[in-house]
Amino acid sequence: MSDNSMNDHSNVNAPSLLLSGIDSLYVSYYLDTATCNIDWEELAYLKEKIGRERNRTFGDITLGSERFALMPYGKSPYSFILSNRYFDVRLGENVKPSCHVQYRSEGLWKFGVDELTGRISTWCRSMDLVPTRPEVVSRIDWSFDYHLPVVDFVPEGFVSRAAKKATWEEHNKVQTIQFGRGDTVLRIYDKIAEIEQQSDKAWFYELWGISANVWRIEFQVRGERLKQGGIRTLEDMRELQADLLYELASKHTTLRCPNDDSNRSRWTLHPLWQGYLTCSLAV
């Protein structure tokens, strides 16, 4: 499925999937800025004006079909940063690609990938920003949220090809386990603790229907690893993401039930990972 999904759960004593889909998406767009109807001088003036005014961290503007907060700074090579509840947009007049969009978590879960990317397409058309070549997907974060009444796995149960591993604990309890770095990173973590201590994304509680005992399995994949999986455009992502995710879930790292066998790869897959493998094929 191309959009995020919600599954029912009936056995409260077993791992049950609450949500699965894309939590964050980064896409670069090649647009013809020479023929669009953006007043670049006015936009630069507004950015500079915001920067001169005390106690102002952004300016509220309408650009095309969307309302944004205009930041008083850019980020190389982009001159302008625009942000709202669902997008972070970097925009430049004389750079290629001319637009880089981060699709934010709340919009992706509430509306789905297709609706949100369609909204950016509508925004581009509203300013006569015409694509000159296909867009490029630079990063995807796939997430699977599980209700785990009992956390019965241990860090030693993970079998991974990743050279780098890190574990974070709080009060002697594992809170986050991470494998890999760079183009492929896997994190398994207590999502409730992350919301309470970092992200403040309490709107997840409504989507889940619960507010306790939720753990997330998250693959963050970018750059070269996406290319190896055949993913360059949004259409590639829709067609090939299940194949890439299943490969990662079955070969990059697995969770197993430790036993006396010295060959850890022969350990039985943990029920959580058995369910995750199945779900990865359905994204």
Protein backbone atom coordinates (compact mmCIF):
# COMPACT_ATOMS: atom_id res chain seq x y z
CA MET A 1 0.00 0.00 0.00
CA SER A 2 1.25 3.46 -0.83
CA ASP A 3 -0.31 5.20 2.19
CA ASN A 4 0.20 4.61 5.88
CA SER A 5 -2.12 2.13 7.54
CA MET A 6 -3.69 1.11 10.82
CA ASN A 7 -4.30 -2.49 11.89
CA ASP A 8 -6.60 -3.75 14.63
CA HIS A 9 -5.16 -5.72 17.51
CA SER A 10 -7.10 -8.19 19.63
CA ASN A 11 -4.62 -10.18 21.73
CA VAL A 12 -3.34 -7.66 24.28
CA ASN A 13 -0.67 -10.08 25.48
CA ALA A 14 1.10 -10.38 22.12
CA PRO A 15 2.92 -7.90 19.85
CA SER A 16 0.32 -6.20 17.67
CA LEU A 17 0.83 -3.75 14.84
CA LEU A 18 -0.71 -0.31 15.39
CA LEU A 19 0.66 1.70 12.45
CA SER A 20 2.97 1.03 9.55
CA GLY A 21 4.22 3.32 6.82
CA ILE A 22 6.49 6.25 6.04
CA ASP A 23 7.28 8.55 8.95
CA SER A 24 9.54 10.98 7.08
CA LEU A 25 10.26 11.56 3.41
CA TYR A 26 12.84 13.81 1.71
CA VAL A 27 12.47 14.67 -1.98
CA SER A 28 14.38 17.03 -4.29
CA TYR A 29 12.55 18.69 -7.18
CA TYR A 30 14.06 20.09 -10.38
CA LEU A 31 11.84 23.05 -11.27
CA ASP A 32 12.06 25.82 -13.86
CA THR A 33 12.40 28.92 -11.69
CA ALA A 34 12.97 31.28 -14.64
CA THR A 35 9.37 31.18 -15.84
CA CYS A 36 7.53 30.90 -12.52
CA ASN A 37 5.51 33.69 -10.91
CA ILE A 38 7.52 33.95 -7.69
CA ASP A 39 8.77 37.46 -6.94
CA TRP A 40 12.26 36.49 -5.78
CA GLU A 41 13.25 40.04 -4.88
CA GLU A 42 10.18 40.45 -2.69
CA LEU A 43 10.85 37.12 -1.01
CA ALA A 44 14.45 38.14 -0.29
CA TYR A 45 13.25 41.49 1.08
CA LEU A 46 10.79 39.78 3.43
CA LYS A 47 13.47 37.39 4.67
CA GLU A 48 15.86 40.27 5.36
CA LYS A 49 13.10 42.27 7.06
CA ILE A 50 12.30 39.41 9.44
CA GLY A 51 15.97 39.12 10.32
CA ARG A 52 16.13 42.80 11.25
CA GLU A 53 13.11 42.76 13.53
CA ARG A 54 13.64 41.94 17.18
CA ASN A 55 11.94 38.90 18.70
CA ARG A 56 10.81 37.59 15.31
CA THR A 57 11.96 34.12 14.39
CA PHE A 58 9.84 33.78 11.24
CA GLY A 59 7.37 35.58 9.01
CA ASP A 60 3.90 34.30 8.15
CA ILE A 61 3.39 34.40 4.36
CA THR A 62 1.24 32.92 1.63
CA LEU A 63 3.20 31.59 -1.33
CA GLY A 64 1.13 30.05 -4.06
CA SER A 65 -1.51 27.72 -2.65
CA GLU A 66 0.19 27.21 0.74
CA ARG A 67 0.70 29.21 3.93
CA PHE A 68 4.22 29.09 5.36
CA ALA A 69 6.49 30.42 8.04
CA LEU A 70 9.37 32.12 6.21
CA MET A 71 12.63 31.77 8.12
CA PRO A 72 15.07 34.73 8.34
CA TYR A 73 17.89 32.51 7.04
CA GLY A 74 18.65 29.95 4.36
CA LYS A 75 20.68 26.78 4.24
CA SER A 76 23.27 26.35 1.53
CA PRO A 77 22.68 26.14 -1.36
CA TYR A 78 19.10 27.27 -0.73
CA SER A 79 18.29 30.94 -0.05
CA PHE A 80 14.86 30.36 1.49
CA ILE A 81 13.40 28.02 4.08
CA LEU A 82 9.61 27.73 4.32
CA SER A 83 7.84 25.64 6.92
CA ASN A 84 4.36 24.66 7.97
CA ARG A 85 2.74 21.83 9.87
CA TYR A 86 3.23 19.30 7.11
CA PHE A 87 6.25 20.42 5.03
CA ASP A 88 9.70 21.90 5.36
CA VAL A 89 10.65 23.44 2.01
CA ARG A 90 14.05 24.75 0.90
CA LEU A 91 13.89 26.91 -2.19
CA GLY A 92 16.43 28.59 -4.45
CA GLU A 93 16.23 30.56 -7.67
CA ASN A 94 19.49 29.57 -9.35
CA VAL A 95 20.33 26.15 -7.92
CA LYS A 96 19.67 22.59 -9.08
CA PRO A 97 17.63 20.96 -7.75
CA SER A 98 15.75 24.16 -7.01
CA CYS A 99 13.46 22.76 -4.30
CA HIS A 100 13.98 20.27 -1.49
CA VAL A 101 10.99 19.10 0.55
CA GLN A 102 10.88 17.26 3.84
CA TYR A 103 7.44 15.73 4.26
CA ARG A 104 6.80 15.83 7.97
CA SER A 105 5.57 13.01 10.17
CA GLU A 106 2.17 14.42 11.14
CA GLY A 107 1.06 15.01 7.57
CA LEU A 108 2.27 11.62 6.36
CA TRP A 109 0.38 9.71 9.06
CA LYS A 110 -2.80 11.79 8.91
CA PHE A 111 -3.13 12.17 5.13
CA GLY A 112 -0.85 9.58 3.55
CA VAL A 113 2.01 9.82 1.08
CA ASP A 114 -0.07 10.21 -2.07
CA GLU A 115 -2.20 13.08 -0.77
CA LEU A 116 0.75 14.96 0.68
CA THR A 117 3.00 14.66 -2.37
CA GLY A 118 0.02 15.65 -4.50
CA ARG A 119 -0.36 18.76 -2.38
CA ILE A 120 3.22 19.81 -3.19
CA SER A 121 2.53 19.19 -6.88
CA THR A 122 -0.51 21.47 -6.61
CA TRP A 123 1.62 24.09 -4.85
CA CYS A 124 4.20 24.01 -7.65
CA ARG A 125 1.50 24.40 -10.29
CA SER A 126 0.02 27.35 -8.41
CA MET A 127 3.30 29.22 -9.01
CA ASP A 128 4.01 27.87 -12.50
CA LEU A 129 6.98 25.89 -11.19
CA VAL A 130 7.32 23.34 -13.98
CA PRO A 131 9.42 20.18 -13.49
CA THR A 132 12.41 19.94 -15.82
CA ARG A 133 13.25 16.35 -14.87
CA PRO A 134 11.91 13.71 -12.46
CA GLU A 135 12.16 14.30 -8.72
CA VAL A 136 14.76 12.44 -6.62
CA VAL A 137 13.96 10.71 -3.33
CA SER A 138 16.94 11.24 -1.03
CA ARG A 139 15.73 9.71 2.26
CA ILE A 140 12.88 7.58 3.56
CA ASP A 141 12.13 6.64 7.16
CA TRP A 142 9.84 3.59 7.34
CA SER A 143 8.26 2.93 10.73
CA PHE A 144 6.32 0.08 12.30
CA ASP A 145 4.68 0.78 15.66
CA TYR A 146 3.82 -2.18 17.89
CA HIS A 147 1.87 -2.49 21.10
CA LEU A 148 4.17 -4.49 23.38
CA PRO A 149 2.56 -5.11 26.79
CA VAL A 150 5.67 -7.10 27.72
CA VAL A 151 9.11 -6.36 26.26
CA ASP A 152 10.48 -9.89 26.14
CA PHE A 153 13.45 -9.35 23.81
CA VAL A 154 17.03 -8.54 24.77
CA PRO A 155 19.78 -6.69 22.86
CA GLU A 156 21.72 -9.95 22.61
CA GLY A 157 18.90 -11.40 20.53
CA PHE A 158 19.63 -9.15 17.55
CA VAL A 159 21.71 -10.60 14.72
CA SER A 160 23.01 -7.83 12.45
CA ARG A 161 25.42 -7.27 9.61
CA ALA A 162 25.90 -3.68 10.71
CA ALA A 163 29.37 -2.81 11.95
CA LYS A 164 28.07 -0.14 14.32
CA LYS A 165 25.74 -0.79 17.25
CA ALA A 166 24.60 1.47 20.09
CA THR A 167 22.27 0.99 23.04
CA TRP A 168 20.72 3.65 25.26
CA GLU A 169 19.28 2.87 28.67
CA GLU A 170 17.32 4.75 31.30
CA HIS A 171 17.14 3.49 34.89
CA ASN A 172 18.89 0.30 33.73
CA LYS A 173 16.18 -0.41 31.17
CA VAL A 174 16.91 -0.49 27.43
CA GLN A 175 15.16 2.37 25.67
CA THR A 176 16.80 2.47 22.22
CA ILE A 177 18.89 0.03 20.17
CA GLN A 178 20.52 1.24 16.96
CA PHE A 179 22.32 -0.66 14.20
CA GLY A 180 24.29 0.89 11.36
CA ARG A 181 25.13 4.41 10.31
CA GLY A 182 25.18 6.49 7.13
CA ASP A 183 22.87 5.27 4.37
CA THR A 184 21.16 2.55 6.41
CA VAL A 185 20.19 2.88 10.08
CA LEU A 186 17.85 0.65 12.06
CA ARG A 187 16.39 1.81 15.38
CA ILE A 188 14.18 -0.11 17.78
CA TYR A 189 12.97 2.14 20.56
CA ASP A 190 10.37 2.96 23.19
CA LYS A 191 8.18 5.39 21.24
CA ILE A 192 6.26 6.55 24.31
CA ALA A 193 9.49 7.61 26.02
CA GLU A 194 10.63 9.36 22.83
CA ILE A 195 7.39 11.35 22.66
CA GLU A 196 7.50 12.32 26.32
CA GLN A 197 11.20 13.23 26.37
CA GLN A 198 11.91 14.54 22.85
CA SER A 199 9.38 14.91 20.06
CA ASP A 200 6.18 15.83 21.96
CA LYS A 201 4.12 14.16 19.20
CA ALA A 202 1.18 13.33 21.46
CA TRP A 203 -1.16 13.18 18.44
CA PHE A 204 0.13 9.63 17.93
CA TYR A 205 -1.97 8.54 20.92
CA GLU A 206 -5.15 9.23 18.98
CA LEU A 207 -3.90 7.37 15.91
CA TRP A 208 -2.82 4.36 17.98
CA GLY A 209 -5.85 4.36 20.27
CA ILE A 210 -3.51 3.83 23.23
CA SER A 211 -0.88 5.85 25.08
CA ALA A 212 1.40 3.22 26.65
CA ASN A 213 3.64 0.27 25.76
CA VAL A 214 4.41 1.23 22.16
CA TRP A 215 7.74 0.34 20.55
CA ARG A 216 8.86 1.40 17.09
CA ILE A 217 10.93 -0.45 14.50
CA GLU A 218 12.35 2.18 12.14
CA PHE A 219 14.58 1.89 9.08
CA GLN A 220 16.16 5.16 7.92
CA VAL A 221 17.47 4.70 4.38
CA ARG A 222 19.05 7.32 2.14
CA GLY A 223 21.36 8.03 -0.76
CA GLU A 224 23.26 5.15 -2.24
CA ARG A 225 21.24 2.46 -0.47
CA LEU A 226 18.04 3.75 -2.04
CA LYS A 227 19.72 3.71 -5.45
CA GLN A 228 20.84 0.12 -4.89
CA GLY A 229 17.22 -0.73 -4.19
CA GLY A 230 16.18 0.90 -7.48
CA ILE A 231 14.48 3.84 -5.77
CA ARG A 232 15.07 7.21 -7.41
CA THR A 233 11.60 8.71 -7.90
CA LEU A 234 8.35 8.64 -5.97
CA GLU A 235 6.97 6.10 -8.43
CA ASP A 236 10.02 3.88 -7.85
CA MET A 237 9.35 4.14 -4.12
CA ARG A 238 5.77 3.00 -4.50
CA GLU A 239 6.76 0.04 -6.67
CA LEU A 240 9.93 -1.14 -4.93
CA GLN A 241 9.75 -0.15 -1.27
CA ALA A 242 8.33 -3.52 -0.15
CA ASP A 243 11.21 -5.39 -1.80
CA LEU A 244 13.83 -3.15 -0.19
CA LEU A 245 12.21 -3.27 3.23
CA TYR A 246 11.91 -7.06 3.20
CA GLU A 247 15.54 -7.39 2.21
CA LEU A 248 16.59 -5.12 5.07
CA ALA A 249 14.30 -6.84 7.56
CA SER A 250 15.58 -10.30 6.64
CA LYS A 251 19.28 -9.62 5.94
CA HIS A 252 20.47 -6.37 7.54
CA THR A 253 19.24 -7.18 11.07
CA THR A 254 16.90 -9.73 12.63
CA LEU A 255 15.61 -10.32 16.15
CA ARG A 256 15.86 -13.87 17.44
CA CYS A 257 15.20 -15.96 20.53
CA PRO A 258 18.60 -16.88 22.05
CA ASN A 259 19.35 -20.53 22.76
CA ASP A 260 22.41 -22.77 23.21
CA ASP A 261 23.25 -22.96 19.50
CA SER A 262 26.60 -21.23 18.89
CA ASN A 263 25.40 -20.20 15.42
CA ARG A 264 23.19 -17.22 16.21
CA SER A 265 21.75 -17.14 12.70
CA ARG A 266 20.02 -20.46 13.47
CA TRP A 267 18.16 -19.04 16.43
CA THR A 268 14.40 -18.91 15.93
CA LEU A 269 12.98 -15.59 14.79
CA HIS A 270 11.30 -13.68 17.59
CA PRO A 271 7.49 -13.36 17.13
CA LEU A 272 7.88 -9.59 16.87
CA TRP A 273 10.24 -9.99 13.92
CA GLN A 274 8.09 -12.65 12.29
CA GLY A 275 5.23 -10.16 12.26
CA TYR A 276 7.51 -7.36 11.09
CA LEU A 277 8.74 -9.40 8.11
CA THR A 278 5.16 -10.00 7.03
CA CYS A 279 4.27 -6.33 7.44
CA SER A 280 7.30 -5.18 5.45
CA LEU A 281 5.89 -6.92 2.40
CA ALA A 282 2.62 -5.05 2.71
CA VAL A 283 3.84 -1.43 2.71
